[in-house]
All heavy atoms as atom14 arrays in JSON, in Angstrom:
{
  "sequence": "TTGGRTVYAESVKGRFTISRDNAKNTVYLQMNSLNPEDTAVYYCNVIS",
  "atom14_mask": [
    [1, 1, 1, 1, 1, 1, 1, 0, 0, 0, 0, 0, 0, 0],
    [1, 1, 1, 1, 1, 1, 1, 0, 0, 0, 0, 0, 0, 0],
    [1, 1, 1, 1, 0, 0, 0, 0, 0, 0, 0, 0, 0, 0],
    [1, 1, 1, 1, 0, 0, 0, 0, 0, 0, 0, 0, 0, 0],
    [1, 1, 1, 1, 1, 1, 1, 1, 1, 1, 1, 0, 0, 0],
    [1, 1, 1, 1, 1, 1, 1, 0, 0, 0, 0, 0, 0, 0],
    [1, 1, 1, 1, 1, 1, 1, 0, 0, 0, 0, 0, 0, 0],
    [1, 1, 1, 1, 1, 1, 1, 1, 1, 1, 1, 1, 0, 0],
    [1, 1, 1, 1, 1, 0, 0, 0, 0, 0, 0, 0, 0, 0],
    [1, 1, 1, 1, 1, 1, 1, 1, 1, 0, 0, 0, 0, 0],
    [1, 1, 1, 1, 1, 1, 0, 0, 0, 0, 0, 0, 0, 0],
    [1, 1, 1, 1, 1, 1, 1, 0, 0, 0, 0, 0, 0, 0],
    [1, 1, 1, 1, 1, 1, 1, 1, 1, 0, 0, 0, 0, 0],
    [1, 1, 1, 1, 0, 0, 0, 0, 0, 0, 0, 0, 0, 0],
    [1, 1, 1, 1, 1, 1, 1, 1, 1, 1, 1, 0, 0, 0],
    [1, 1, 1, 1, 1, 1, 1, 1, 1, 1, 1, 0, 0, 0],
    [1, 1, 1, 1, 1, 1, 1, 0, 0, 0, 0, 0, 0, 0],
    [1, 1, 1, 1, 1, 1, 1, 1, 0, 0, 0, 0, 0, 0],
    [1, 1, 1, 1, 1, 1, 0, 0, 0, 0, 0, 0, 0, 0],
    [1, 1, 1, 1, 1, 1, 1, 1, 1, 1, 1, 0, 0, 0],
    [1, 1, 1, 1, 1, 1, 1, 1, 0, 0, 0, 0, 0, 0],
    [1, 1, 1, 1, 1, 1, 1, 1, 0, 0, 0, 0, 0, 0],
    [1, 1, 1, 1, 1, 0, 0, 0, 0, 0, 0, 0, 0, 0],
    [1, 1, 1, 1, 1, 1, 1, 1, 1, 0, 0, 0, 0, 0],
    [1, 1, 1, 1, 1, 1, 1, 1, 0, 0, 0, 0, 0, 0],
    [1, 1, 1, 1, 1, 1, 1, 0, 0, 0, 0, 0, 0, 0],
    [1, 1, 1, 1, 1, 1, 1, 0, 0, 0, 0, 0, 0, 0],
    [1, 1, 1, 1, 1, 1, 1, 1, 1, 1, 1, 1, 0, 0],
    [1, 1, 1, 1, 1, 1, 1, 1, 0, 0, 0, 0, 0, 0],
    [1, 1, 1, 1, 1, 1, 1, 1, 1, 0, 0, 0, 0, 0],
    [1, 1, 1, 1, 1, 1, 1, 1, 0, 0, 0, 0, 0, 0],
    [1, 1, 1, 1, 1, 1, 1, 1, 0, 0, 0, 0, 0, 0],
    [1, 1, 1, 1, 1, 1, 0, 0, 0, 0, 0, 0, 0, 0],
    [1, 1, 1, 1, 1, 1, 1, 1, 0, 0, 0, 0, 0, 0],
    [1, 1, 1, 1, 1, 1, 1, 1, 0, 0, 0, 0, 0, 0],
    [1, 1, 1, 1, 1, 1, 1, 0, 0, 0, 0, 0, 0, 0],
    [1, 1, 1, 1, 1, 1, 1, 1, 1, 0, 0, 0, 0, 0],
    [1, 1, 1, 1, 1, 1, 1, 1, 0, 0, 0, 0, 0, 0],
    [1, 1, 1, 1, 1, 1, 1, 0, 0, 0, 0, 0, 0, 0],
    [1, 1, 1, 1, 1, 0, 0, 0, 0, 0, 0, 0, 0, 0],
    [1, 1, 1, 1, 1, 1, 1, 0, 0, 0, 0, 0, 0, 0],
    [1, 1, 1, 1, 1, 1, 1, 1, 1, 1, 1, 1, 0, 0],
    [1, 1, 1, 1, 1, 1, 1, 1, 1, 1, 1, 1, 0, 0],
    [1, 1, 1, 1, 1, 1, 0, 0, 0, 0, 0, 0, 0, 0],
    [1, 1, 1, 1, 1, 1, 1, 1, 0, 0, 0, 0, 0, 0],
    [1, 1, 1, 1, 1, 1, 1, 0, 0, 0, 0, 0, 0, 0],
    [1, 1, 1, 1, 1, 1, 1, 1, 0, 0, 0, 0, 0, 0],
    [1, 1, 1, 1, 1, 1, 0, 0, 0, 0, 0, 0, 0, 0]
  ],
  "atom14_positions": [
    [[0.82, -1.19, 0.0], [0.0, 0.0, 0.0], [0.86, 1.25, 0.0], [2.08, 1.19, 0.17], [-0.92, 0.04, 1.22], [-0.14, 0.2, 2.41], [-1.75, -1.24, 1.33], [0.0, 0.0, 0.0], [0.0, 0.0, 0.0], [0.0, 0.0, 0.0], [0.0, 0.0, 0.0], [0.0, 0.0, 0.0], [0.0, 0.0, 0.0], [0.0, 0.0, 0.0]],
    [[0.22, 2.4, -0.18], [0.92, 3.68, -0.13], [1.66, 3.82, 1.19], [2.77, 4.35, 1.24], [-0.06, 4.84, -0.3], [-0.8, 4.68, -1.51], [0.68, 6.17, -0.35], [0.0, 0.0, 0.0], [0.0, 0.0, 0.0], [0.0, 0.0, 0.0], [0.0, 0.0, 0.0], [0.0, 0.0, 0.0], [0.0, 0.0, 0.0], [0.0, 0.0, 0.0]],
    [[1.04, 3.35, 2.26], [1.64, 3.44, 3.57], [2.68, 2.4, 3.89], [3.3, 2.44, 4.95], [0.0, 0.0, 0.0], [0.0, 0.0, 0.0], [0.0, 0.0, 0.0], [0.0, 0.0, 0.0], [0.0, 0.0, 0.0], [0.0, 0.0, 0.0], [0.0, 0.0, 0.0], [0.0, 0.0, 0.0], [0.0, 0.0, 0.0], [0.0, 0.0, 0.0]],
    [[2.87, 1.43, 2.99], [3.92, 0.45, 3.17], [3.49, -0.9, 3.73], [4.34, -1.74, 4.01], [0.0, 0.0, 0.0], [0.0, 0.0, 0.0], [0.0, 0.0, 0.0], [0.0, 0.0, 0.0], [0.0, 0.0, 0.0], [0.0, 0.0, 0.0], [0.0, 0.0, 0.0], [0.0, 0.0, 0.0], [0.0, 0.0, 0.0], [0.0, 0.0, 0.0]],
    [[2.21, -1.11, 3.89], [1.74, -2.42, 4.33], [1.92, -3.42, 3.2], [1.62, -3.14, 2.05], [0.28, -2.38, 4.74], [-0.01, -1.64, 6.02], [-1.34, -2.1, 6.6], [-2.41, -2.0, 5.63], [-3.6, -2.58, 5.75], [-3.87, -3.31, 6.82], [-4.52, -2.43, 4.81], [0.0, 0.0, 0.0], [0.0, 0.0, 0.0], [0.0, 0.0, 0.0]],
    [[2.4, -4.61, 3.53], [2.7, -5.62, 2.53], [1.96, -6.92, 2.76], [1.61, -7.27, 3.89], [4.21, -5.93, 2.47], [4.64, -6.4, 3.76], [4.99, -4.68, 2.11], [0.0, 0.0, 0.0], [0.0, 0.0, 0.0], [0.0, 0.0, 0.0], [0.0, 0.0, 0.0], [0.0, 0.0, 0.0], [0.0, 0.0, 0.0], [0.0, 0.0, 0.0]],
    [[1.72, -7.62, 1.68], [1.15, -8.95, 1.7], [1.93, -9.8, 0.71], [2.2, -9.35, -0.41], [-0.35, -8.96, 1.34], [-0.87, -10.39, 1.25], [-1.15, -8.18, 2.36], [0.0, 0.0, 0.0], [0.0, 0.0, 0.0], [0.0, 0.0, 0.0], [0.0, 0.0, 0.0], [0.0, 0.0, 0.0], [0.0, 0.0, 0.0], [0.0, 0.0, 0.0]],
    [[2.29, -11.02, 1.11], [3.02, -11.92, 0.24], [2.3, -13.25, 0.1], [1.66, -13.72, 1.04], [4.42, -12.21, 0.81], [5.36, -11.03, 0.82], [5.46, -10.22, 1.94], [6.15, -10.74, -0.28], [6.32, -9.15, 1.96], [7.02, -9.67, -0.27], [7.11, -8.87, 0.86], [7.97, -7.81, 0.87], [0.0, 0.0, 0.0], [0.0, 0.0, 0.0]],
    [[2.46, -13.84, -1.06], [2.02, -15.22, -1.22], [2.9, -16.11, -0.36], [4.1, -15.85, -0.19], [2.11, -15.65, -2.68], [0.0, 0.0, 0.0], [0.0, 0.0, 0.0], [0.0, 0.0, 0.0], [0.0, 0.0, 0.0], [0.0, 0.0, 0.0], [0.0, 0.0, 0.0], [0.0, 0.0, 0.0], [0.0, 0.0, 0.0], [0.0, 0.0, 0.0]],
    [[2.32, -17.17, 0.18], [3.08, -18.07, 1.03], [4.29, -18.65, 0.31], [5.34, -18.86, 0.92], [2.19, -19.2, 1.55], [1.2, -18.77, 2.61], [1.87, -18.32, 3.89], [2.91, -18.9, 4.27], [1.36, -17.38, 4.53], [0.0, 0.0, 0.0], [0.0, 0.0, 0.0], [0.0, 0.0, 0.0], [0.0, 0.0, 0.0], [0.0, 0.0, 0.0]],
    [[4.15, -18.88, -0.97], [5.21, -19.51, -1.73], [6.46, -18.64, -1.91], [7.52, -19.14, -2.27], [4.7, -19.94, -3.11], [4.24, -18.82, -3.84], [0.0, 0.0, 0.0], [0.0, 0.0, 0.0], [0.0, 0.0, 0.0], [0.0, 0.0, 0.0], [0.0, 0.0, 0.0], [0.0, 0.0, 0.0], [0.0, 0.0, 0.0], [0.0, 0.0, 0.0]],
    [[6.33, -17.34, -1.66], [7.47, -16.45, -1.87], [7.96, -15.78, -0.59], [8.96, -15.07, -0.62], [7.16, -15.36, -2.92], [6.64, -15.99, -4.2], [6.16, -14.34, -2.38], [0.0, 0.0, 0.0], [0.0, 0.0, 0.0], [0.0, 0.0, 0.0], [0.0, 0.0, 0.0], [0.0, 0.0, 0.0], [0.0, 0.0, 0.0], [0.0, 0.0, 0.0]],
    [[7.28, -16.01, 0.5], [7.7, -15.41, 1.77], [9.11, -15.83, 2.12], [9.48, -16.99, 2.03], [6.75, -15.82, 2.89], [5.42, -15.1, 2.89], [4.58, -15.49, 4.1], [3.27, -14.72, 4.12], [2.42, -15.11, 5.27], [0.0, 0.0, 0.0], [0.0, 0.0, 0.0], [0.0, 0.0, 0.0], [0.0, 0.0, 0.0], [0.0, 0.0, 0.0]],
    [[9.9, -14.85, 2.51], [11.28, -15.11, 2.86], [12.23, -15.07, 1.69], [13.45, -15.06, 1.88], [0.0, 0.0, 0.0], [0.0, 0.0, 0.0], [0.0, 0.0, 0.0], [0.0, 0.0, 0.0], [0.0, 0.0, 0.0], [0.0, 0.0, 0.0], [0.0, 0.0, 0.0], [0.0, 0.0, 0.0], [0.0, 0.0, 0.0], [0.0, 0.0, 0.0]],
    [[11.7, -15.05, 0.48], [12.53, -15.01, -0.72], [12.36, -13.73, -1.52], [13.32, -13.22, -2.1], [12.22, -16.2, -1.62], [12.47, -17.56, -0.99], [12.35, -18.69, -2.0], [11.02, -18.78, -2.58], [10.75, -18.66, -3.88], [11.74, -18.45, -4.74], [9.5, -18.76, -4.31], [0.0, 0.0, 0.0], [0.0, 0.0, 0.0], [0.0, 0.0, 0.0]],
    [[11.14, -13.21, -1.56], [10.84, -12.01, -2.34], [10.58, -10.84, -1.4], [10.05, -11.01, -0.29], [9.59, -12.2, -3.2], [9.74, -13.19, -4.33], [10.87, -13.98, -4.46], [8.73, -13.31, -5.28], [10.99, -14.89, -5.51], [8.84, -14.21, -6.32], [9.97, -14.99, -6.44], [0.0, 0.0, 0.0], [0.0, 0.0, 0.0], [0.0, 0.0, 0.0]],
    [[10.93, -9.66, -1.85], [10.66, -8.44, -1.11], [10.07, -7.39, -2.04], [10.66, -7.06, -3.06], [11.93, -7.88, -0.46], [12.52, -8.85, 0.41], [11.6, -6.63, 0.35], [0.0, 0.0, 0.0], [0.0, 0.0, 0.0], [0.0, 0.0, 0.0], [0.0, 0.0, 0.0], [0.0, 0.0, 0.0], [0.0, 0.0, 0.0], [0.0, 0.0, 0.0]],
    [[8.92, -6.88, -1.67], [8.29, -5.82, -2.46], [8.55, -4.48, -1.77], [8.57, -4.39, -0.54], [6.78, -6.06, -2.64], [6.19, -5.06, -3.65], [6.04, -5.99, -1.31], [4.77, -5.4, -4.08], [0.0, 0.0, 0.0], [0.0, 0.0, 0.0], [0.0, 0.0, 0.0], [0.0, 0.0, 0.0], [0.0, 0.0, 0.0], [0.0, 0.0, 0.0]],
    [[8.78, -3.46, -2.56], [9.01, -2.13, -2.03], [8.5, -1.11, -3.04], [8.19, -1.45, -4.19], [10.49, -1.89, -1.73], [11.27, -2.0, -2.9], [0.0, 0.0, 0.0], [0.0, 0.0, 0.0], [0.0, 0.0, 0.0], [0.0, 0.0, 0.0], [0.0, 0.0, 0.0], [0.0, 0.0, 0.0], [0.0, 0.0, 0.0], [0.0, 0.0, 0.0]],
    [[8.41, 0.13, -2.62], [7.94, 1.17, -3.54], [8.59, 2.5, -3.22], [9.02, 2.76, -2.1], [6.41, 1.3, -3.49], [5.85, 1.71, -2.14], [4.31, 1.64, -2.16], [3.73, 2.68, -2.99], [2.46, 2.71, -3.39], [1.64, 1.72, -3.04], [2.01, 3.71, -4.13], [0.0, 0.0, 0.0], [0.0, 0.0, 0.0], [0.0, 0.0, 0.0]],
    [[8.66, 3.33, -4.23], [9.15, 4.68, -4.11], [8.01, 5.58, -4.58], [7.77, 5.71, -5.78], [10.4, 4.89, -4.95], [11.03, 6.25, -4.76], [10.32, 7.22, -4.41], [12.25, 6.37, -4.95], [0.0, 0.0, 0.0], [0.0, 0.0, 0.0], [0.0, 0.0, 0.0], [0.0, 0.0, 0.0], [0.0, 0.0, 0.0], [0.0, 0.0, 0.0]],
    [[7.31, 6.16, -3.64], [6.14, 6.95, -3.99], [6.5, 8.18, -4.82], [5.72, 8.61, -5.67], [5.39, 7.37, -2.72], [4.74, 6.2, -2.02], [4.41, 5.18, -2.65], [4.52, 6.31, -0.72], [0.0, 0.0, 0.0], [0.0, 0.0, 0.0], [0.0, 0.0, 0.0], [0.0, 0.0, 0.0], [0.0, 0.0, 0.0], [0.0, 0.0, 0.0]],
    [[7.66, 8.77, -4.56], [8.08, 9.94, -5.31], [8.31, 9.61, -6.78], [8.12, 10.46, -7.65], [9.34, 10.54, -4.7], [0.0, 0.0, 0.0], [0.0, 0.0, 0.0], [0.0, 0.0, 0.0], [0.0, 0.0, 0.0], [0.0, 0.0, 0.0], [0.0, 0.0, 0.0], [0.0, 0.0, 0.0], [0.0, 0.0, 0.0], [0.0, 0.0, 0.0]],
    [[8.73, 8.38, -7.05], [8.98, 7.95, -8.42], [7.83, 7.15, -9.02], [7.91, 6.73, -10.17], [10.26, 7.11, -8.48], [11.52, 7.86, -8.11], [12.73, 6.95, -8.22], [14.02, 7.69, -7.9], [15.21, 6.81, -7.98], [0.0, 0.0, 0.0], [0.0, 0.0, 0.0], [0.0, 0.0, 0.0], [0.0, 0.0, 0.0], [0.0, 0.0, 0.0]],
    [[6.79, 6.93, -8.23], [5.67, 6.11, -8.68], [6.15, 4.77, -9.22], [5.73, 4.33, -10.3], [4.85, 6.84, -9.74], [4.09, 8.02, -9.18], [3.54, 7.96, -8.08], [4.05, 9.12, -9.94], [0.0, 0.0, 0.0], [0.0, 0.0, 0.0], [0.0, 0.0, 0.0], [0.0, 0.0, 0.0], [0.0, 0.0, 0.0], [0.0, 0.0, 0.0]],
    [[7.01, 4.15, -8.47], [7.64, 2.91, -8.9], [7.54, 1.85, -7.81], [7.72, 2.15, -6.63], [9.11, 3.13, -9.27], [9.2, 4.09, -10.33], [9.76, 1.84, -9.73], [0.0, 0.0, 0.0], [0.0, 0.0, 0.0], [0.0, 0.0, 0.0], [0.0, 0.0, 0.0], [0.0, 0.0, 0.0], [0.0, 0.0, 0.0], [0.0, 0.0, 0.0]],
    [[7.26, 0.64, -8.22], [7.23, -0.49, -7.31], [8.27, -1.5, -7.77], [8.49, -1.68, -8.97], [5.82, -1.13, -7.23], [5.38, -1.69, -8.58], [5.78, -2.21, -6.16], [0.0, 0.0, 0.0], [0.0, 0.0, 0.0], [0.0, 0.0, 0.0], [0.0, 0.0, 0.0], [0.0, 0.0, 0.0], [0.0, 0.0, 0.0], [0.0, 0.0, 0.0]],
    [[8.9, -2.16, -6.8], [9.97, -3.1, -7.1], [9.65, -4.46, -6.5], [8.91, -4.58, -5.53], [11.29, -2.62, -6.51], [11.68, -1.22, -6.89], [11.35, -0.13, -6.09], [12.39, -0.98, -8.07], [11.7, 1.15, -6.44], [12.74, 0.31, -8.44], [12.4, 1.37, -7.62], [12.76, 2.65, -7.98], [0.0, 0.0, 0.0], [0.0, 0.0, 0.0]],
    [[10.23, -5.46, -7.09], [10.14, -6.8, -6.53], [11.52, -7.44, -6.6], [12.0, -7.77, -7.69], [9.13, -7.66, -7.3], [8.88, -9.06, -6.71], [8.17, -8.94, -5.36], [8.07, -9.92, -7.67], [0.0, 0.0, 0.0], [0.0, 0.0, 0.0], [0.0, 0.0, 0.0], [0.0, 0.0, 0.0], [0.0, 0.0, 0.0], [0.0, 0.0, 0.0]],
    [[12.15, -7.56, -5.45], [13.43, -8.24, -5.36], [13.17, -9.72, -5.15], [12.53, -10.11, -4.18], [14.26, -7.69, -4.19], [15.6, -8.37, -4.0], [16.56, -8.14, -5.16], [16.7, -7.01, -5.62], [17.19, -9.2, -5.64], [0.0, 0.0, 0.0], [0.0, 0.0, 0.0], [0.0, 0.0, 0.0], [0.0, 0.0, 0.0], [0.0, 0.0, 0.0]],
    [[13.67, -10.53, -6.06], [13.43, -11.96, -6.03], [14.75, -12.69, -5.82], [15.64, -12.62, -6.67], [12.75, -12.43, -7.31], [11.46, -11.71, -7.63], [10.61, -12.37, -9.1], [11.79, -11.93, -10.37], [0.0, 0.0, 0.0], [0.0, 0.0, 0.0], [0.0, 0.0, 0.0], [0.0, 0.0, 0.0], [0.0, 0.0, 0.0], [0.0, 0.0, 0.0]],
    [[14.85, -13.38, -4.71], [16.05, -14.15, -4.38], [15.72, -15.63, -4.3], [14.56, -16.02, -4.18], [16.64, -13.68, -3.05], [17.07, -12.23, -3.08], [17.54, -11.73, -4.09], [16.92, -11.56, -1.93], [0.0, 0.0, 0.0], [0.0, 0.0, 0.0], [0.0, 0.0, 0.0], [0.0, 0.0, 0.0], [0.0, 0.0, 0.0], [0.0, 0.0, 0.0]],
    [[16.75, -16.44, -4.34], [16.6, -17.89, -4.23], [15.55, -18.42, -5.2], [14.68, -19.21, -4.84], [16.24, -18.29, -2.79], [17.24, -17.86, -1.89], [0.0, 0.0, 0.0], [0.0, 0.0, 0.0], [0.0, 0.0, 0.0], [0.0, 0.0, 0.0], [0.0, 0.0, 0.0], [0.0, 0.0, 0.0], [0.0, 0.0, 0.0], [0.0, 0.0, 0.0]],
    [[15.64, -17.98, -6.43], [14.65, -18.36, -7.42], [14.74, -19.84, -7.76], [15.82, -20.43, -7.77], [14.84, -17.53, -8.69], [14.38, -16.07, -8.58], [14.99, -15.24, -9.69], [12.86, -16.0, -8.63], [0.0, 0.0, 0.0], [0.0, 0.0, 0.0], [0.0, 0.0, 0.0], [0.0, 0.0, 0.0], [0.0, 0.0, 0.0], [0.0, 0.0, 0.0]],
    [[13.59, -20.42, -8.02], [13.52, -21.81, -8.43], [12.67, -21.92, -9.69], [11.97, -20.97, -10.05], [12.99, -22.7, -7.3], [11.61, -22.29, -6.83], [10.64, -22.37, -7.59], [11.5, -21.87, -5.58], [0.0, 0.0, 0.0], [0.0, 0.0, 0.0], [0.0, 0.0, 0.0], [0.0, 0.0, 0.0], [0.0, 0.0, 0.0], [0.0, 0.0, 0.0]],
    [[12.71, -23.04, -10.37], [11.95, -23.18, -11.63], [10.46, -22.92, -11.48], [9.81, -22.5, -12.44], [12.22, -24.63, -12.04], [13.58, -24.92, -11.49], [13.59, -24.21, -10.16], [0.0, 0.0, 0.0], [0.0, 0.0, 0.0], [0.0, 0.0, 0.0], [0.0, 0.0, 0.0], [0.0, 0.0, 0.0], [0.0, 0.0, 0.0], [0.0, 0.0, 0.0]],
    [[9.92, -23.15, -10.3], [8.49, -22.92, -10.06], [8.14, -21.43, -10.09], [6.96, -21.08, -10.14], [8.05, -23.53, -8.73], [7.99, -25.06, -8.73], [9.37, -25.71, -8.84], [10.31, -25.23, -8.18], [9.49, -26.69, -9.6], [0.0, 0.0, 0.0], [0.0, 0.0, 0.0], [0.0, 0.0, 0.0], [0.0, 0.0, 0.0], [0.0, 0.0, 0.0]],
    [[9.14, -20.58, -10.04], [8.91, -19.14, -10.14], [8.79, -18.67, -11.58], [8.5, -17.5, -11.83], [10.03, -18.37, -9.44], [10.08, -18.64, -7.94], [9.01, -18.61, -7.3], [11.19, -18.86, -7.42], [0.0, 0.0, 0.0], [0.0, 0.0, 0.0], [0.0, 0.0, 0.0], [0.0, 0.0, 0.0], [0.0, 0.0, 0.0], [0.0, 0.0, 0.0]],
    [[9.04, -19.54, -12.52], [8.95, -19.19, -13.93], [7.52, -18.79, -14.28], [6.58, -19.54, -14.06], [9.39, -20.35, -14.82], [10.78, -20.63, -14.61], [9.18, -20.02, -16.29], [0.0, 0.0, 0.0], [0.0, 0.0, 0.0], [0.0, 0.0, 0.0], [0.0, 0.0, 0.0], [0.0, 0.0, 0.0], [0.0, 0.0, 0.0], [0.0, 0.0, 0.0]],
    [[7.37, -17.59, -14.82], [6.05, -17.07, -15.15], [6.21, -15.7, -15.8], [7.3, -15.13, -15.82], [5.19, -16.94, -13.9], [0.0, 0.0, 0.0], [0.0, 0.0, 0.0], [0.0, 0.0, 0.0], [0.0, 0.0, 0.0], [0.0, 0.0, 0.0], [0.0, 0.0, 0.0], [0.0, 0.0, 0.0], [0.0, 0.0, 0.0], [0.0, 0.0, 0.0]],
    [[5.11, -15.2, -16.32], [5.05, -13.81, -16.72], [4.59, -13.02, -15.5], [3.57, -13.36, -14.89], [4.08, -13.57, -17.89], [3.99, -12.08, -18.21], [4.55, -14.35, -19.11], [0.0, 0.0, 0.0], [0.0, 0.0, 0.0], [0.0, 0.0, 0.0], [0.0, 0.0, 0.0], [0.0, 0.0, 0.0], [0.0, 0.0, 0.0], [0.0, 0.0, 0.0]],
    [[5.34, -12.02, -15.14], [5.03, -11.21, -13.97], [4.4, -9.9, -14.41], [4.93, -9.19, -15.27], [6.31, -10.93, -13.17], [6.76, -12.14, -12.37], [7.26, -13.26, -13.0], [6.67, -12.14, -10.98], [7.66, -14.38, -12.27], [7.07, -13.25, -10.24], [7.57, -14.36, -10.9], [7.96, -15.46, -10.16], [0.0, 0.0, 0.0], [0.0, 0.0, 0.0]],
    [[3.27, -9.58, -13.81], [2.5, -8.4, -14.16], [2.45, -7.42, -13.01], [2.17, -7.79, -11.88], [1.07, -8.77, -14.54], [0.94, -9.65, -15.76], [0.94, -11.04, -15.64], [0.84, -9.09, -17.04], [0.81, -11.85, -16.76], [0.71, -9.9, -18.15], [0.7, -11.27, -18.0], [0.58, -12.07, -19.11], [0.0, 0.0, 0.0], [0.0, 0.0, 0.0]],
    [[2.67, -6.17, -13.33], [2.51, -5.1, -12.35], [1.05, -4.7, -12.31], [0.36, -4.67, -13.33], [3.37, -3.91, -12.76], [3.31, -2.5, -11.63], [0.0, 0.0, 0.0], [0.0, 0.0, 0.0], [0.0, 0.0, 0.0], [0.0, 0.0, 0.0], [0.0, 0.0, 0.0], [0.0, 0.0, 0.0], [0.0, 0.0, 0.0], [0.0, 0.0, 0.0]],
    [[0.57, -4.39, -11.13], [-0.82, -4.03, -10.92], [-0.93, -2.86, -9.97], [-0.21, -2.78, -8.98], [-1.58, -5.24, -10.35], [-3.01, -4.93, -10.0], [-3.86, -4.8, -10.87], [-3.29, -4.83, -8.7], [0.0, 0.0, 0.0], [0.0, 0.0, 0.0], [0.0, 0.0, 0.0], [0.0, 0.0, 0.0], [0.0, 0.0, 0.0], [0.0, 0.0, 0.0]],
    [[-1.82, -1.94, -10.3], [-2.09, -0.8, -9.43], [-3.58, -0.66, -9.27], [-4.33, -0.69, -10.25], [-1.52, 0.52, -9.98], [-1.92, 1.69, -9.09], [0.0, 0.44, -10.09], [0.0, 0.0, 0.0], [0.0, 0.0, 0.0], [0.0, 0.0, 0.0], [0.0, 0.0, 0.0], [0.0, 0.0, 0.0], [0.0, 0.0, 0.0], [0.0, 0.0, 0.0]],
    [[-4.01, -0.52, -8.04], [-5.43, -0.29, -7.75], [-5.57, 1.02, -7.0], [-5.02, 1.2, -5.92], [-6.02, -1.43, -6.9], [-5.87, -2.78, -7.61], [-7.48, -1.16, -6.61], [-6.31, -3.95, -6.78], [0.0, 0.0, 0.0], [0.0, 0.0, 0.0], [0.0, 0.0, 0.0], [0.0, 0.0, 0.0], [0.0, 0.0, 0.0], [0.0, 0.0, 0.0]],
    [[-6.29, 1.93, -7.6], [-6.66, 3.17, -6.93], [-8.18, 3.26, -7.05], [-8.88, 2.4, -6.51], [-5.95, 4.37, -7.55], [-6.15, 4.44, -8.94], [0.0, 0.0, 0.0], [0.0, 0.0, 0.0], [0.0, 0.0, 0.0], [0.0, 0.0, 0.0], [0.0, 0.0, 0.0], [0.0, 0.0, 0.0], [0.0, 0.0, 0.0], [0.0, 0.0, 0.0]]
  ]
}
């Protein structure tokens, strides 16, 4: 959220980190310890 509250899928907890820069209107997803099951098309989503 704008205020920094986060929610993660159970499958990525401890491996992925989401963050945002409100001044840049940018959201990031740091993905570590990737495995083949992470293979997918990743889509950015914004809800206002």
